[in-house]
């Protein structure tokens, strides 16, 4: 479920990468923030990136599954980037980040790439939930957006589970490997975390008079079970 890797060249090398930036040759700069927290979930732990991750970023970026789903765009704003650790063995498997952080409009673009391809484990979905909650609670973001290839159905389902909503489809937006591809724009708003459980409660109450059962269902939804 790779999306919006924000790298100018299709293949990169360690000599052109900055560990505190999303990728080489992008003009983004690290965001000036207090000490960033480590984010711990059930399946993944998200750790602020360090210089030691440079070689891993290069390796993951050049993984065929990442290259095939690559959407090019050069970051120009502030960047916050984390490393994704698989809690099953504690090993790093990918990276997640915000780029083009706009403090006035309280918005940012979300990106993630997984180099180790741990399919079916839900790491991407939990990463999106943890990182967007961090974006709202710590970075005070109101709007978090992303772009994904329309054909990448696995990624789109993962983002929907994490609360992203499709906003539009741009036809033939990206030229990849000699073919034009449609790109889906998705976004998650801060209040989505509140609105969705309330919508579930209203829908539930229309079907059953058991209010407690409806509230418990909304709590389970929030917990991500």
C-alpha atoms as a PDB file:
ATOM      1  CA  UNK A   1       0.000   0.000   0.000  1.00  0.00           C
ATOM      2  CA  UNK A   2       2.650   2.490  -0.994  1.00  0.00           C
ATOM      3  CA  UNK A   3       1.509   6.012  -1.790  1.00  0.00           C
ATOM      4  CA  UNK A   4       2.947   9.397  -2.642  1.00  0.00           C
ATOM      5  CA  UNK A   5       6.595   8.678  -1.935  1.00  0.00           C
ATOM      6  CA  UNK A   6       7.452  12.242  -3.012  1.00  0.00           C
ATOM      7  CA  UNK A   7      10.790  11.455  -4.618  1.00  0.00           C
ATOM      8  CA  UNK A   8      12.013  13.171  -7.754  1.00  0.00           C
ATOM      9  CA  UNK A   9      14.116  10.365  -9.325  1.00  0.00           C
ATOM     10  CA  UNK A  10      12.708   6.872  -9.876  1.00  0.00           C
ATOM     11  CA  UNK A  11      15.786   5.251  -8.302  1.00  0.00           C
ATOM     12  CA  UNK A  12      17.829   6.797  -5.497  1.00  0.00           C
ATOM     13  CA  UNK A  13      21.201   6.364  -3.855  1.00  0.00           C
ATOM     14  CA  UNK A  14      22.522   6.899  -0.339  1.00  0.00           C
ATOM     15  CA  UNK A  15      24.729   9.778  -1.431  1.00  0.00           C
ATOM     16  CA  UNK A  16      21.693  11.922  -2.284  1.00  0.00           C
ATOM     17  CA  UNK A  17      19.453  11.235   0.707  1.00  0.00           C
ATOM     18  CA  UNK A  18      18.883  13.156   3.917  1.00  0.00           C
ATOM     19  CA  UNK A  19      17.588  11.028   6.777  1.00  0.00           C
ATOM     20  CA  UNK A  20      15.499  13.862   8.144  1.00  0.00           C
ATOM     21  CA  UNK A  21      13.829  14.452   4.796  1.00  0.00           C
ATOM     22  CA  UNK A  22      11.328  12.234   3.048  1.00  0.00           C
ATOM     23  CA  UNK A  23      13.646  11.566   0.149  1.00  0.00           C
ATOM     24  CA  UNK A  24      16.454  12.938  -1.986  1.00  0.00           C
ATOM     25  CA  UNK A  25      16.278  16.156  -3.964  1.00  0.00           C
ATOM     26  CA  UNK A  26      13.084  17.283  -2.287  1.00  0.00           C
ATOM     27  CA  UNK A  27      12.999  20.799  -0.924  1.00  0.00           C
ATOM     28  CA  UNK A  28      11.092  20.031   2.248  1.00  0.00           C
ATOM     29  CA  UNK A  29      12.685  20.754   5.597  1.00  0.00           C
ATOM     30  CA  UNK A  30      12.291  19.040   8.977  1.00  0.00           C
ATOM     31  CA  UNK A  31       9.513  20.612  11.027  1.00  0.00           C
ATOM     32  CA  UNK A  32      10.617  22.560  14.087  1.00  0.00           C
ATOM     33  CA  UNK A  33       8.819  20.622  16.816  1.00  0.00           C
ATOM     34  CA  UNK A  34       9.493  19.631  20.420  1.00  0.00           C
ATOM     35  CA  UNK A  35      10.909  16.144  20.970  1.00  0.00           C
ATOM     36  CA  UNK A  36       8.701  13.872  18.927  1.00  0.00           C
ATOM     37  CA  UNK A  37       7.069  10.962  20.774  1.00  0.00           C
ATOM     38  CA  UNK A  38       7.318   7.280  19.942  1.00  0.00           C
ATOM     39  CA  UNK A  39       3.888   5.966  18.916  1.00  0.00           C
ATOM     40  CA  UNK A  40       3.020   2.441  20.057  1.00  0.00           C
ATOM     41  CA  UNK A  41       0.202   0.307  18.726  1.00  0.00           C
ATOM     42  CA  UNK A  42      -0.756  -3.352  18.786  1.00  0.00           C
ATOM     43  CA  UNK A  43       0.990  -4.357  15.559  1.00  0.00           C
ATOM     44  CA  UNK A  44       3.432  -1.498  14.983  1.00  0.00           C
ATOM     45  CA  UNK A  45       5.597   1.030  16.771  1.00  0.00           C
ATOM     46  CA  UNK A  46       6.394   4.334  15.061  1.00  0.00           C
ATOM     47  CA  UNK A  47       9.729   5.923  15.911  1.00  0.00           C
ATOM     48  CA  UNK A  48      11.049   9.337  14.784  1.00  0.00           C
ATOM     49  CA  UNK A  49      13.567   8.908  11.979  1.00  0.00           C
ATOM     50  CA  UNK A  50      17.311   9.233  12.588  1.00  0.00           C
ATOM     51  CA  UNK A  51      20.407   9.385  10.399  1.00  0.00           C
ATOM     52  CA  UNK A  52      20.901   5.662  10.967  1.00  0.00           C
ATOM     53  CA  UNK A  53      17.861   4.947   8.788  1.00  0.00           C
ATOM     54  CA  UNK A  54      19.402   6.394   5.611  1.00  0.00           C
ATOM     55  CA  UNK A  55      20.415   3.061   4.067  1.00  0.00           C
ATOM     56  CA  UNK A  56      17.045   1.491   4.922  1.00  0.00           C
ATOM     57  CA  UNK A  57      15.152   4.346   3.259  1.00  0.00           C
ATOM     58  CA  UNK A  58      17.218   3.898   0.097  1.00  0.00           C
ATOM     59  CA  UNK A  59      16.644   0.133   0.148  1.00  0.00           C
ATOM     60  CA  UNK A  60      12.885   0.442   0.672  1.00  0.00           C
ATOM     61  CA  UNK A  61      12.537   3.210  -1.899  1.00  0.00           C
ATOM     62  CA  UNK A  62      14.105   1.014  -4.573  1.00  0.00           C
ATOM     63  CA  UNK A  63      11.917  -2.004  -3.769  1.00  0.00           C
ATOM     64  CA  UNK A  64       9.894  -2.948  -6.903  1.00  0.00           C
ATOM     65  CA  UNK A  65       6.556  -2.771  -5.054  1.00  0.00           C
ATOM     66  CA  UNK A  66       7.345   0.815  -4.000  1.00  0.00           C
ATOM     67  CA  UNK A  67       8.601   1.884  -7.430  1.00  0.00           C
ATOM     68  CA  UNK A  68       5.514   0.434  -9.145  1.00  0.00           C
ATOM     69  CA  UNK A  69       3.164   2.481  -6.952  1.00  0.00           C
ATOM     70  CA  UNK A  70       5.264   5.619  -6.945  1.00  0.00           C
ATOM     71  CA  UNK A  71       3.511   8.968  -7.449  1.00  0.00           C
ATOM     72  CA  UNK A  72       6.003  11.749  -8.050  1.00  0.00           C
ATOM     73  CA  UNK A  73       5.814  15.085  -6.313  1.00  0.00           C
ATOM     74  CA  UNK A  74       8.486  17.294  -4.798  1.00  0.00           C
ATOM     75  CA  UNK A  75       7.845  18.356  -1.217  1.00  0.00           C
ATOM     76  CA  UNK A  76       8.327  22.062  -0.544  1.00  0.00           C
ATOM     77  CA  UNK A  77       7.076  22.477   3.034  1.00  0.00           C
ATOM     78  CA  UNK A  78       7.894  21.099   6.452  1.00  0.00           C
ATOM     79  CA  UNK A  79       8.352  17.361   6.930  1.00  0.00           C
ATOM     80  CA  UNK A  80       7.847  15.003   9.891  1.00  0.00           C
ATOM     81  CA  UNK A  81       8.992  11.437   9.250  1.00  0.00           C
ATOM     82  CA  UNK A  82       8.887   8.208  11.274  1.00  0.00           C
ATOM     83  CA  UNK A  83      10.188   4.655  10.899  1.00  0.00           C
ATOM     84  CA  UNK A  84       7.662   1.789  11.133  1.00  0.00           C
ATOM     85  CA  UNK A  85       8.649  -1.155  13.352  1.00  0.00           C
ATOM     86  CA  UNK A  86       6.855  -4.506  13.232  1.00  0.00           C
ATOM     87  CA  UNK A  87       6.028  -5.386  16.851  1.00  0.00           C
ATOM     88  CA  UNK A  88       6.203  -9.094  16.015  1.00  0.00           C
ATOM     89  CA  UNK A  89      10.001  -8.975  15.811  1.00  0.00           C
ATOM     90  CA  UNK A  90      10.921  -5.326  16.430  1.00  0.00           C
ATOM     91  CA  UNK A  91      12.404  -4.909  12.948  1.00  0.00           C
ATOM     92  CA  UNK A  92      11.920  -1.796  10.801  1.00  0.00           C
ATOM     93  CA  UNK A  93       9.731  -2.425   7.747  1.00  0.00           C
ATOM     94  CA  UNK A  94       8.994   1.001   6.278  1.00  0.00           C
ATOM     95  CA  UNK A  95       8.454   4.702   6.797  1.00  0.00           C
ATOM     96  CA  UNK A  96       5.511   7.084   7.246  1.00  0.00           C
ATOM     97  CA  UNK A  97       5.569  10.857   7.057  1.00  0.00           C
ATOM     98  CA  UNK A  98       3.813  14.181   6.696  1.00  0.00           C
ATOM     99  CA  UNK A  99       5.055  16.612   4.077  1.00  0.00           C
ATOM    100  CA  UNK A 100       4.034  20.139   3.099  1.00  0.00           C
ATOM    101  CA  UNK A 101       2.790  20.870   6.613  1.00  0.00           C
ATOM    102  CA  UNK A 102       0.742  24.078   6.500  1.00  0.00           C
ATOM    103  CA  UNK A 103       0.490  25.574   9.973  1.00  0.00           C
ATOM    104  CA  UNK A 104      -1.985  28.275   8.932  1.00  0.00           C
ATOM    105  CA  UNK A 105      -4.516  25.898   7.375  1.00  0.00           C
ATOM    106  CA  UNK A 106      -3.500  23.062   9.724  1.00  0.00           C
ATOM    107  CA  UNK A 107      -3.082  20.616   6.873  1.00  0.00           C
ATOM    108  CA  UNK A 108      -0.484  18.145   5.606  1.00  0.00           C
ATOM    109  CA  UNK A 109       0.009  15.421   2.999  1.00  0.00           C
ATOM    110  CA  UNK A 110       0.343  11.836   4.262  1.00  0.00           C
ATOM    111  CA  UNK A 111       2.739   9.296   2.777  1.00  0.00           C
ATOM    112  CA  UNK A 112       3.837   5.759   3.592  1.00  0.00           C
ATOM    113  CA  UNK A 113       6.031   3.096   2.034  1.00  0.00           C
ATOM    114  CA  UNK A 114       6.571  -0.459   3.216  1.00  0.00           C
ATOM    115  CA  UNK A 115       9.706  -2.140   1.915  1.00  0.00           C
ATOM    116  CA  UNK A 116       9.429  -5.557   3.544  1.00  0.00           C
ATOM    117  CA  UNK A 117       5.936  -6.347   2.162  1.00  0.00           C
ATOM    118  CA  UNK A 118       4.374  -7.906   5.304  1.00  0.00           C
ATOM    119  CA  UNK A 119       1.079  -8.505   3.524  1.00  0.00           C
ATOM    120  CA  UNK A 120      -2.149  -9.231   5.374  1.00  0.00           C
ATOM    121  CA  UNK A 121      -0.857  -8.151   8.781  1.00  0.00           C
ATOM    122  CA  UNK A 122      -2.656  -4.810   8.933  1.00  0.00           C
ATOM    123  CA  UNK A 123       0.542  -2.839   9.560  1.00  0.00           C
ATOM    124  CA  UNK A 124      -0.371  -0.124   7.051  1.00  0.00           C
ATOM    125  CA  UNK A 125      -3.845   0.393   8.487  1.00  0.00           C
ATOM    126  CA  UNK A 126      -2.662   0.651  12.076  1.00  0.00           C
ATOM    127  CA  UNK A 127       0.192   2.932  11.022  1.00  0.00           C
ATOM    128  CA  UNK A 128      -2.313   5.252   9.338  1.00  0.00           C
ATOM    129  CA  UNK A 129      -4.543   5.295  12.435  1.00  0.00           C
ATOM    130  CA  UNK A 130      -1.646   5.976  14.820  1.00  0.00           C
ATOM    131  CA  UNK A 131       0.003   8.597  12.647  1.00  0.00           C
ATOM    132  CA  UNK A 132      -3.178  10.503  11.821  1.00  0.00           C
ATOM    133  CA  UNK A 133      -4.133  10.573  15.506  1.00  0.00           C
ATOM    134  CA  UNK A 134      -0.641  11.907  16.242  1.00  0.00           C
ATOM    135  CA  UNK A 135      -1.154  14.489  13.504  1.00  0.00           C
ATOM    136  CA  UNK A 136      -4.390  15.689  15.087  1.00  0.00           C
ATOM    137  CA  UNK A 137      -3.362  15.519  18.754  1.00  0.00           C
ATOM    138  CA  UNK A 138       0.288  16.641  18.570  1.00  0.00           C
ATOM    139  CA  UNK A 139       0.688  18.567  15.319  1.00  0.00           C
ATOM    140  CA  UNK A 140      -2.857  19.999  15.588  1.00  0.00           C
ATOM    141  CA  UNK A 141      -3.720  19.128  11.993  1.00  0.00           C
ATOM    142  CA  UNK A 142      -7.286  19.570  10.779  1.00  0.00           C
ATOM    143  CA  UNK A 143      -6.942  18.063   7.318  1.00  0.00           C
ATOM    144  CA  UNK A 144      -4.690  15.158   6.257  1.00  0.00           C
ATOM    145  CA  UNK A 145      -4.670  14.291   2.556  1.00  0.00           C
ATOM    146  CA  UNK A 146      -3.091  11.639   0.344  1.00  0.00           C
ATOM    147  CA  UNK A 147      -2.944  10.439  -3.244  1.00  0.00           C
ATOM    148  CA  UNK A 148      -3.018   6.812  -4.370  1.00  0.00           C
ATOM    149  CA  UNK A 149      -3.172   5.059  -7.723  1.00  0.00           C
ATOM    150  CA  UNK A 150      -6.775   4.143  -8.537  1.00  0.00           C
ATOM    151  CA  UNK A 151      -5.711   0.581  -9.354  1.00  0.00           C
ATOM    152  CA  UNK A 152      -4.190   0.082  -5.886  1.00  0.00           C
ATOM    153  CA  UNK A 153      -7.339  -1.360  -4.303  1.00  0.00           C
ATOM    154  CA  UNK A 154      -5.492  -2.792  -1.271  1.00  0.00           C
ATOM    155  CA  UNK A 155      -4.124   0.621  -0.310  1.00  0.00           C
ATOM    156  CA  UNK A 156      -7.475   2.328  -0.815  1.00  0.00           C
ATOM    157  CA  UNK A 157      -9.252  -0.154   1.476  1.00  0.00           C
ATOM    158  CA  UNK A 158      -6.545   0.307   4.094  1.00  0.00           C
ATOM    159  CA  UNK A 159      -6.931   4.086   4.048  1.00  0.00           C
ATOM    160  CA  UNK A 160     -10.707   3.831   4.269  1.00  0.00           C
ATOM    161  CA  UNK A 161     -10.354   1.644   7.366  1.00  0.00           C
ATOM    162  CA  UNK A 162      -8.142   4.350   8.857  1.00  0.00           C
ATOM    163  CA  UNK A 163     -10.798   7.022   8.263  1.00  0.00           C
ATOM    164  CA  UNK A 164      -9.786   8.520   4.918  1.00  0.00           C
ATOM    165  CA  UNK A 165     -12.580   9.452   2.508  1.00  0.00           C
ATOM    166  CA  UNK A 166     -12.306   9.581  -1.274  1.00  0.00           C
ATOM    167  CA  UNK A 167     -12.655  13.120  -2.603  1.00  0.00           C
ATOM    168  CA  UNK A 168     -12.092  12.666  -6.308  1.00  0.00           C
ATOM    169  CA  UNK A 169     -10.419  10.815  -9.167  1.00  0.00           C
ATOM    170  CA  UNK A 170      -8.016  12.543 -11.531  1.00  0.00           C
ATOM    171  CA  UNK A 171      -7.906  10.649 -14.796  1.00  0.00           C
ATOM    172  CA  UNK A 172      -4.562   9.963 -16.533  1.00  0.00           C
ATOM    173  CA  UNK A 173      -2.744  12.083 -13.970  1.00  0.00           C
ATOM    174  CA  UNK A 174       0.473  10.047 -13.679  1.00  0.00           C
ATOM    175  CA  UNK A 175       2.613   8.618 -16.473  1.00  0.00           C
ATOM    176  CA  UNK A 176       4.225   5.456 -15.056  1.00  0.00           C
ATOM    177  CA  UNK A 177       6.156   2.933 -17.117  1.00  0.00           C
ATOM    178  CA  UNK A 178       4.791   4.360 -20.341  1.00  0.00           C
ATOM    179  CA  UNK A 179       1.114   4.249 -19.307  1.00  0.00           C
ATOM    180  CA  UNK A 180      -1.154   6.941 -17.888  1.00  0.00           C
ATOM    181  CA  UNK A 181      -2.743   6.086 -14.519  1.00  0.00           C
ATOM    182  CA  UNK A 182      -5.723   7.501 -12.662  1.00  0.00           C
ATOM    183  CA  UNK A 183      -5.030   8.948  -9.211  1.00  0.00           C
ATOM    184  CA  UNK A 184      -7.481   8.969  -6.305  1.00  0.00           C
ATOM    185  CA  UNK A 185      -7.398  11.859  -3.846  1.00  0.00           C
ATOM    186  CA  UNK A 186      -8.416  11.032  -0.272  1.00  0.00           C
ATOM    187  CA  UNK A 187      -8.483  13.006   2.967  1.00  0.00           C
ATOM    188  CA  UNK A 188      -9.230  12.656   6.648  1.00  0.00           C
ATOM    189  CA  UNK A 189     -10.522  15.538   8.764  1.00  0.00           C
ATOM    190  CA  UNK A 190      -9.963  15.878  12.491  1.00  0.00           C
ATOM    191  CA  UNK A 191     -13.676  15.750  13.273  1.00  0.00           C
ATOM    192  CA  UNK A 192     -14.073  12.496  11.342  1.00  0.00           C
ATOM    193  CA  UNK A 193     -13.000  10.677  14.493  1.00  0.00           C
ATOM    194  CA  UNK A 194     -16.009  12.161  16.265  1.00  0.00           C
ATOM    195  CA  UNK A 195     -18.562  12.224  13.449  1.00  0.00           C
ATOM    196  CA  UNK A 196     -18.213   8.608  12.344  1.00  0.00           C
ATOM    197  CA  UNK A 197     -19.011   7.004  15.737  1.00  0.00           C
ATOM    198  CA  UNK A 198     -22.005   9.345  16.134  1.00  0.00           C
ATOM    199  CA  UNK A 199     -23.230   8.400  12.668  1.00  0.00           C
ATOM    200  CA  UNK A 200     -22.897   4.732  13.618  1.00  0.00           C
ATOM    201  CA  UNK A 201     -24.929   5.299  16.780  1.00  0.00           C
ATOM    202  CA  UNK A 202     -27.724   7.070  14.846  1.00  0.00           C
ATOM    203  CA  UNK A 203     -27.842   4.312  12.233  1.00  0.00           C
ATOM    204  CA  UNK A 204     -27.852   1.653  14.942  1.00  0.00           C
ATOM    205  CA  UNK A 205     -30.690   3.338  16.849  1.00  0.00           C
ATOM    206  CA  UNK A 206     -32.787   3.321  13.694  1.00  0.00           C
ATOM    207  CA  UNK A 207     -32.495  -0.466  13.623  1.00  0.00           C
ATOM    208  CA  UNK A 208     -32.646  -1.324  17.330  1.00  0.00           C
ATOM    209  CA  UNK A 209     -33.903   0.417  20.499  1.00  0.00           C
ATOM    210  CA  UNK A 210     -30.922  -0.886  22.499  1.00  0.00           C
ATOM    211  CA  UNK A 211     -28.948   2.332  22.985  1.00  0.00           C
ATOM    212  CA  UNK A 212     -26.237   0.687  25.122  1.00  0.00           C
ATOM    213  CA  UNK A 213     -25.488  -1.820  22.372  1.00  0.00           C
ATOM    214  CA  UNK A 214     -25.169   1.005  19.840  1.00  0.00           C
ATOM    215  CA  UNK A 215     -22.787   2.981  22.054  1.00  0.00           C
ATOM    216  CA  UNK A 216     -20.648  -0.106  22.666  1.00  0.00           C
ATOM    217  CA  UNK A 217     -20.472  -0.647  18.907  1.00  0.00           C
ATOM    218  CA  UNK A 218     -19.176   2.887  18.414  1.00  0.00           C
ATOM    219  CA  UNK A 219     -16.553   2.389  21.141  1.00  0.00           C
ATOM    220  CA  UNK A 220     -15.341  -0.780  19.429  1.00  0.00           C
ATOM    221  CA  UNK A 221     -15.112   1.159  16.134  1.00  0.00           C
ATOM    222  CA  UNK A 222     -12.978   3.858  17.761  1.00  0.00           C
ATOM    223  CA  UNK A 223     -10.685   1.231  19.265  1.00  0.00           C
ATOM    224  CA  UNK A 224     -10.134  -0.224  15.815  1.00  0.00           C
ATOM    225  CA  UNK A 225     -11.116  -3.782  16.675  1.00  0.00           C
END
